[in-house]
Amino acid sequence: MFDVTVAPAQKALDSEPPREPRAYEALVREIGEDGAREVREVFWSETCARLQLFRTLSLAQHQARIAREAHSLKSAAGTFGYVRLAALALALEKTAERLSDVEFRDLLDLMDAAYAAARAQEPPR
C-alpha cells in the first residue's frame, strides 16, 4: 500500500516547485499588498497549527477530520501558490481512509518538508 499512496505524494514533492510566485502577485493585485501580507501571515500561522494538529490525531479515529483539514490546507496553500504543500494535502485528503499509520506519518513528514521549503522561498519582508 505504501507504494500506491505515498509514492505519488513523493512524486508531487519532487516535481512541484515549493512556491509559485505569481500566485501571491495575483492576490496582491486583488486585495493590495497590506491585505495579502496579512492574509499570508494568517495562512502561515494556521498551517503551522494544522500540521501540528495532524500529529496529534489518531488516523483510525479521525479519518474524516484529517481529510477535512487536508482539504482546507490544500485550498489555502493553492491560493498562495505553495504547490508542493497543496499537492501533498490533496494526497492526504484523497487517501486518509486507506493510509496505514506509517504511511500517514511519512506523508506528514513530506508535508512538513514542503512547508519548510515554501517558508524558505518566501521573499524578505
N, C-alpha and C. Protein backbone atom coordinates (compact mmCIF):
# COMPACT_ATOMS: atom_id res chain seq x y z
N MET A 1 0.82 -1.19 0.00
CA MET A 1 0.00 0.00 0.00
C MET A 1 0.87 1.26 0.00
N PHE A 2 2.01 1.23 0.61
CA PHE A 2 2.89 2.39 0.68
C PHE A 2 3.20 2.91 -0.71
N ASP A 3 3.51 2.03 -1.65
CA ASP A 3 3.84 2.46 -3.00
C ASP A 3 2.66 3.14 -3.68
N VAL A 4 1.46 2.72 -3.35
CA VAL A 4 0.28 3.25 -4.01
C VAL A 4 -0.07 4.64 -3.49
N THR A 5 0.12 4.89 -2.21
CA THR A 5 -0.36 6.13 -1.63
C THR A 5 0.71 7.19 -1.45
N VAL A 6 1.81 6.86 -0.83
CA VAL A 6 2.80 7.87 -0.52
C VAL A 6 3.74 8.10 -1.70
N ALA A 7 3.96 7.12 -2.53
CA ALA A 7 4.84 7.33 -3.68
C ALA A 7 4.34 8.46 -4.57
N PRO A 8 3.03 8.56 -4.88
CA PRO A 8 2.58 9.72 -5.65
C PRO A 8 2.83 11.03 -4.89
N ALA A 9 2.71 11.00 -3.58
CA ALA A 9 2.98 12.20 -2.80
C ALA A 9 4.45 12.59 -2.93
N GLN A 10 5.34 11.61 -2.89
CA GLN A 10 6.76 11.90 -3.05
C GLN A 10 7.02 12.45 -4.45
N LYS A 11 6.35 11.89 -5.44
CA LYS A 11 6.50 12.40 -6.81
C LYS A 11 6.03 13.85 -6.87
N ALA A 12 4.94 14.16 -6.19
CA ALA A 12 4.45 15.54 -6.16
C ALA A 12 5.48 16.45 -5.51
N LEU A 13 6.09 15.98 -4.46
CA LEU A 13 7.11 16.78 -3.79
C LEU A 13 8.29 17.03 -4.70
N ASP A 14 8.69 16.03 -5.45
CA ASP A 14 9.84 16.16 -6.33
C ASP A 14 9.55 16.99 -7.57
N SER A 15 8.33 16.93 -8.08
CA SER A 15 8.04 17.57 -9.36
C SER A 15 7.47 18.98 -9.23
N GLU A 16 6.98 19.34 -8.09
CA GLU A 16 6.36 20.65 -7.92
C GLU A 16 7.33 21.61 -7.24
N PRO A 17 7.38 22.85 -7.71
CA PRO A 17 8.21 23.84 -7.01
C PRO A 17 7.57 24.15 -5.65
N PRO A 18 8.37 24.57 -4.67
CA PRO A 18 7.77 24.89 -3.38
C PRO A 18 6.75 26.02 -3.46
N ARG A 19 7.01 26.98 -4.36
CA ARG A 19 6.15 28.17 -4.40
C ARG A 19 6.05 28.68 -5.83
N GLU A 20 4.85 29.08 -6.18
CA GLU A 20 4.60 29.73 -7.46
C GLU A 20 4.43 31.22 -7.17
N PRO A 21 5.44 32.04 -7.43
CA PRO A 21 5.40 33.45 -7.02
C PRO A 21 4.28 34.26 -7.66
N ARG A 22 3.84 33.88 -8.84
CA ARG A 22 2.78 34.66 -9.49
C ARG A 22 1.45 34.56 -8.75
N ALA A 23 1.26 33.51 -7.97
CA ALA A 23 0.00 33.38 -7.22
C ALA A 23 -0.11 34.50 -6.19
N TYR A 24 0.96 34.76 -5.49
CA TYR A 24 0.94 35.84 -4.50
C TYR A 24 0.77 37.20 -5.19
N GLU A 25 1.44 37.38 -6.29
CA GLU A 25 1.31 38.63 -7.04
C GLU A 25 -0.15 38.86 -7.47
N ALA A 26 -0.83 37.80 -7.87
CA ALA A 26 -2.24 37.92 -8.25
C ALA A 26 -3.08 38.33 -7.04
N LEU A 27 -2.78 37.76 -5.89
CA LEU A 27 -3.51 38.12 -4.68
C LEU A 27 -3.27 39.59 -4.33
N VAL A 28 -2.05 40.05 -4.48
CA VAL A 28 -1.73 41.46 -4.23
C VAL A 28 -2.56 42.36 -5.15
N ARG A 29 -2.67 41.98 -6.41
CA ARG A 29 -3.47 42.78 -7.34
C ARG A 29 -4.94 42.83 -6.90
N GLU A 30 -5.42 41.75 -6.33
CA GLU A 30 -6.83 41.69 -5.93
C GLU A 30 -7.12 42.44 -4.64
N ILE A 31 -6.26 42.28 -3.63
CA ILE A 31 -6.59 42.85 -2.32
C ILE A 31 -5.55 43.82 -1.79
N GLY A 32 -4.50 44.07 -2.55
CA GLY A 32 -3.47 45.01 -2.12
C GLY A 32 -2.36 44.33 -1.33
N GLU A 33 -1.23 45.01 -1.26
CA GLU A 33 -0.05 44.44 -0.60
C GLU A 33 -0.29 44.20 0.89
N ASP A 34 -0.86 45.17 1.58
CA ASP A 34 -1.08 45.02 3.02
C ASP A 34 -2.05 43.87 3.31
N GLY A 35 -3.13 43.81 2.56
CA GLY A 35 -4.10 42.74 2.75
C GLY A 35 -3.51 41.38 2.46
N ALA A 36 -2.77 41.27 1.38
CA ALA A 36 -2.15 39.99 1.02
C ALA A 36 -1.14 39.56 2.08
N ARG A 37 -0.38 40.51 2.59
CA ARG A 37 0.61 40.19 3.62
C ARG A 37 -0.08 39.69 4.89
N GLU A 38 -1.15 40.36 5.27
CA GLU A 38 -1.89 39.94 6.47
C GLU A 38 -2.51 38.55 6.30
N VAL A 39 -3.11 38.33 5.15
CA VAL A 39 -3.74 37.03 4.90
C VAL A 39 -2.68 35.92 4.86
N ARG A 40 -1.52 36.22 4.28
CA ARG A 40 -0.45 35.23 4.23
C ARG A 40 0.06 34.90 5.63
N GLU A 41 0.15 35.89 6.49
CA GLU A 41 0.57 35.63 7.87
C GLU A 41 -0.42 34.71 8.58
N VAL A 42 -1.70 34.94 8.36
CA VAL A 42 -2.72 34.05 8.92
C VAL A 42 -2.54 32.64 8.36
N PHE A 43 -2.29 32.56 7.06
CA PHE A 43 -2.05 31.25 6.44
C PHE A 43 -0.91 30.52 7.12
N TRP A 44 0.22 31.21 7.33
CA TRP A 44 1.37 30.55 7.96
C TRP A 44 1.03 30.08 9.36
N SER A 45 0.37 30.90 10.11
CA SER A 45 0.00 30.56 11.48
C SER A 45 -0.95 29.36 11.51
N GLU A 46 -1.99 29.42 10.68
CA GLU A 46 -2.96 28.33 10.64
C GLU A 46 -2.36 27.05 10.10
N THR A 47 -1.47 27.16 9.13
CA THR A 47 -0.85 25.98 8.55
C THR A 47 0.07 25.31 9.56
N CYS A 48 0.83 26.10 10.27
CA CYS A 48 1.69 25.54 11.32
C CYS A 48 0.84 24.80 12.36
N ALA A 49 -0.24 25.43 12.79
CA ALA A 49 -1.13 24.79 13.76
C ALA A 49 -1.77 23.53 13.19
N ARG A 50 -2.15 23.58 11.93
CA ARG A 50 -2.80 22.42 11.30
C ARG A 50 -1.82 21.26 11.17
N LEU A 51 -0.58 21.54 10.79
CA LEU A 51 0.42 20.48 10.68
C LEU A 51 0.69 19.86 12.05
N GLN A 52 0.70 20.67 13.09
CA GLN A 52 0.87 20.14 14.44
C GLN A 52 -0.35 19.31 14.85
N LEU A 53 -1.54 19.79 14.49
CA LEU A 53 -2.77 19.06 14.81
C LEU A 53 -2.76 17.67 14.19
N PHE A 54 -2.35 17.57 12.94
CA PHE A 54 -2.30 16.26 12.28
C PHE A 54 -1.52 15.26 13.12
N ARG A 55 -0.45 15.70 13.74
CA ARG A 55 0.41 14.81 14.53
C ARG A 55 -0.26 14.35 15.82
N THR A 56 -1.31 15.05 16.25
CA THR A 56 -1.99 14.66 17.48
C THR A 56 -3.22 13.79 17.23
N LEU A 57 -3.66 13.71 16.00
CA LEU A 57 -4.88 12.97 15.68
C LEU A 57 -4.57 11.51 15.36
N SER A 58 -5.39 10.65 15.87
CA SER A 58 -5.31 9.23 15.53
C SER A 58 -5.98 9.02 14.17
N LEU A 59 -5.24 8.44 13.25
CA LEU A 59 -5.79 8.20 11.92
C LEU A 59 -7.02 7.29 12.00
N ALA A 60 -6.96 6.28 12.84
CA ALA A 60 -8.07 5.34 12.96
C ALA A 60 -9.35 6.01 13.46
N GLN A 61 -9.21 6.99 14.33
CA GLN A 61 -10.38 7.62 14.94
C GLN A 61 -10.80 8.92 14.26
N HIS A 62 -9.92 9.53 13.48
CA HIS A 62 -10.19 10.87 12.96
C HIS A 62 -9.99 11.00 11.45
N GLN A 63 -10.24 9.94 10.70
CA GLN A 63 -10.02 9.99 9.26
C GLN A 63 -10.81 11.12 8.60
N ALA A 64 -12.05 11.29 8.95
CA ALA A 64 -12.88 12.33 8.33
C ALA A 64 -12.34 13.72 8.65
N ARG A 65 -11.97 13.94 9.89
CA ARG A 65 -11.43 15.25 10.27
C ARG A 65 -10.11 15.51 9.57
N ILE A 66 -9.27 14.50 9.50
CA ILE A 66 -7.98 14.64 8.82
C ILE A 66 -8.21 15.00 7.36
N ALA A 67 -9.15 14.33 6.72
CA ALA A 67 -9.45 14.63 5.31
C ALA A 67 -9.98 16.06 5.16
N ARG A 68 -10.84 16.51 6.07
CA ARG A 68 -11.37 17.89 6.01
C ARG A 68 -10.26 18.92 6.21
N GLU A 69 -9.40 18.67 7.19
CA GLU A 69 -8.28 19.59 7.45
C GLU A 69 -7.33 19.62 6.26
N ALA A 70 -7.10 18.46 5.67
CA ALA A 70 -6.22 18.39 4.49
C ALA A 70 -6.85 19.16 3.33
N HIS A 71 -8.16 19.06 3.17
CA HIS A 71 -8.86 19.81 2.12
C HIS A 71 -8.68 21.31 2.32
N SER A 72 -8.86 21.76 3.55
CA SER A 72 -8.69 23.18 3.85
C SER A 72 -7.26 23.63 3.59
N LEU A 73 -6.30 22.81 3.99
CA LEU A 73 -4.90 23.13 3.77
C LEU A 73 -4.58 23.19 2.27
N LYS A 74 -5.12 22.24 1.53
CA LYS A 74 -4.91 22.21 0.07
C LYS A 74 -5.40 23.50 -0.57
N SER A 75 -6.59 23.92 -0.20
CA SER A 75 -7.16 25.14 -0.77
C SER A 75 -6.36 26.37 -0.41
N ALA A 76 -6.00 26.50 0.84
CA ALA A 76 -5.24 27.67 1.29
C ALA A 76 -3.86 27.70 0.65
N ALA A 77 -3.19 26.56 0.63
CA ALA A 77 -1.85 26.51 0.03
C ALA A 77 -1.92 26.85 -1.45
N GLY A 78 -2.94 26.37 -2.13
CA GLY A 78 -3.10 26.69 -3.54
C GLY A 78 -3.32 28.17 -3.79
N THR A 79 -4.07 28.81 -2.92
CA THR A 79 -4.33 30.24 -3.06
C THR A 79 -3.03 31.04 -3.07
N PHE A 80 -2.09 30.63 -2.25
CA PHE A 80 -0.82 31.35 -2.15
C PHE A 80 0.26 30.80 -3.06
N GLY A 81 -0.06 29.76 -3.82
CA GLY A 81 0.90 29.23 -4.77
C GLY A 81 1.90 28.26 -4.18
N TYR A 82 1.61 27.70 -3.01
CA TYR A 82 2.51 26.72 -2.41
C TYR A 82 2.12 25.34 -2.95
N VAL A 83 2.59 25.08 -4.16
CA VAL A 83 2.09 23.94 -4.92
C VAL A 83 2.50 22.59 -4.35
N ARG A 84 3.69 22.49 -3.80
CA ARG A 84 4.07 21.21 -3.18
C ARG A 84 3.16 20.89 -2.01
N LEU A 85 3.00 21.85 -1.16
CA LEU A 85 2.17 21.64 0.02
C LEU A 85 0.73 21.33 -0.39
N ALA A 86 0.22 22.03 -1.37
CA ALA A 86 -1.14 21.77 -1.85
C ALA A 86 -1.27 20.36 -2.43
N ALA A 87 -0.26 19.91 -3.18
CA ALA A 87 -0.30 18.57 -3.77
C ALA A 87 -0.28 17.49 -2.69
N LEU A 88 0.52 17.71 -1.68
CA LEU A 88 0.61 16.73 -0.59
C LEU A 88 -0.67 16.72 0.25
N ALA A 89 -1.24 17.90 0.48
CA ALA A 89 -2.50 17.97 1.21
C ALA A 89 -3.61 17.27 0.42
N LEU A 90 -3.60 17.41 -0.89
CA LEU A 90 -4.56 16.70 -1.72
C LEU A 90 -4.37 15.19 -1.59
N ALA A 91 -3.13 14.75 -1.59
CA ALA A 91 -2.86 13.32 -1.43
C ALA A 91 -3.41 12.82 -0.10
N LEU A 92 -3.22 13.59 0.95
CA LEU A 92 -3.74 13.19 2.27
C LEU A 92 -5.27 13.19 2.26
N GLU A 93 -5.85 14.21 1.69
CA GLU A 93 -7.31 14.29 1.61
C GLU A 93 -7.89 13.06 0.91
N LYS A 94 -7.29 12.68 -0.20
CA LYS A 94 -7.84 11.60 -1.01
C LYS A 94 -7.53 10.20 -0.47
N THR A 95 -6.50 10.07 0.37
CA THR A 95 -6.09 8.73 0.80
C THR A 95 -6.22 8.49 2.30
N ALA A 96 -6.73 9.44 3.05
CA ALA A 96 -6.79 9.31 4.51
C ALA A 96 -7.45 8.01 4.97
N GLU A 97 -8.48 7.61 4.27
CA GLU A 97 -9.20 6.40 4.70
C GLU A 97 -8.45 5.11 4.39
N ARG A 98 -7.42 5.19 3.55
CA ARG A 98 -6.69 3.97 3.17
C ARG A 98 -5.28 3.91 3.74
N LEU A 99 -4.79 4.97 4.32
CA LEU A 99 -3.41 5.01 4.79
C LEU A 99 -3.20 4.17 6.04
N SER A 100 -2.05 3.58 6.13
CA SER A 100 -1.64 2.97 7.40
C SER A 100 -1.06 4.09 8.27
N ASP A 101 -0.86 3.81 9.54
CA ASP A 101 -0.27 4.81 10.42
C ASP A 101 1.12 5.23 9.95
N VAL A 102 1.90 4.28 9.48
CA VAL A 102 3.25 4.59 9.00
C VAL A 102 3.17 5.48 7.76
N GLU A 103 2.30 5.15 6.83
CA GLU A 103 2.13 5.97 5.63
C GLU A 103 1.65 7.37 5.98
N PHE A 104 0.75 7.46 6.94
CA PHE A 104 0.25 8.76 7.39
C PHE A 104 1.40 9.60 7.93
N ARG A 105 2.22 9.02 8.79
CA ARG A 105 3.35 9.75 9.37
C ARG A 105 4.36 10.13 8.29
N ASP A 106 4.59 9.25 7.34
CA ASP A 106 5.50 9.57 6.24
C ASP A 106 4.98 10.74 5.41
N LEU A 107 3.68 10.75 5.15
CA LEU A 107 3.09 11.84 4.40
C LEU A 107 3.17 13.15 5.19
N LEU A 108 2.96 13.08 6.49
CA LEU A 108 3.10 14.28 7.32
C LEU A 108 4.53 14.80 7.28
N ASP A 109 5.50 13.90 7.26
CA ASP A 109 6.90 14.33 7.14
C ASP A 109 7.13 15.08 5.83
N LEU A 110 6.56 14.57 4.75
CA LEU A 110 6.67 15.24 3.46
C LEU A 110 5.99 16.61 3.49
N MET A 111 4.86 16.68 4.15
CA MET A 111 4.15 17.96 4.25
C MET A 111 4.95 18.96 5.07
N ASP A 112 5.57 18.50 6.15
CA ASP A 112 6.43 19.38 6.94
C ASP A 112 7.59 19.90 6.10
N ALA A 113 8.17 19.03 5.30
CA ALA A 113 9.29 19.43 4.43
C ALA A 113 8.83 20.44 3.39
N ALA A 114 7.64 20.23 2.83
CA ALA A 114 7.11 21.17 1.84
C ALA A 114 6.81 22.52 2.48
N TYR A 115 6.30 22.50 3.69
CA TYR A 115 6.04 23.74 4.42
C TYR A 115 7.35 24.49 4.65
N ALA A 116 8.37 23.78 5.10
CA ALA A 116 9.68 24.41 5.34
C ALA A 116 10.28 24.96 4.04
N ALA A 117 10.14 24.21 2.95
CA ALA A 117 10.66 24.68 1.66
C ALA A 117 9.93 25.93 1.20
N ALA A 118 8.62 25.97 1.38
CA ALA A 118 7.85 27.15 1.00
C ALA A 118 8.26 28.35 1.84
N ARG A 119 8.41 28.14 3.13
CA ARG A 119 8.84 29.25 4.01
C ARG A 119 10.22 29.76 3.61
N ALA A 120 11.10 28.83 3.25
CA ALA A 120 12.47 29.22 2.87
C ALA A 120 12.49 30.05 1.59
N GLN A 121 11.50 29.89 0.74
CA GLN A 121 11.45 30.65 -0.51
C GLN A 121 10.66 31.94 -0.41
N GLU A 122 10.19 32.24 0.77
CA GLU A 122 9.45 33.48 0.96
C GLU A 122 10.35 34.67 0.71
N PRO A 123 9.83 35.68 0.03
CA PRO A 123 10.63 36.89 -0.15
C PRO A 123 10.83 37.57 1.19
N PRO A 124 11.93 38.31 1.35
CA PRO A 124 12.14 39.02 2.61
C PRO A 124 11.03 40.03 2.86
N ARG A 125 10.70 40.21 4.12
CA ARG A 125 9.62 41.14 4.48
C ARG A 125 10.14 42.54 4.62
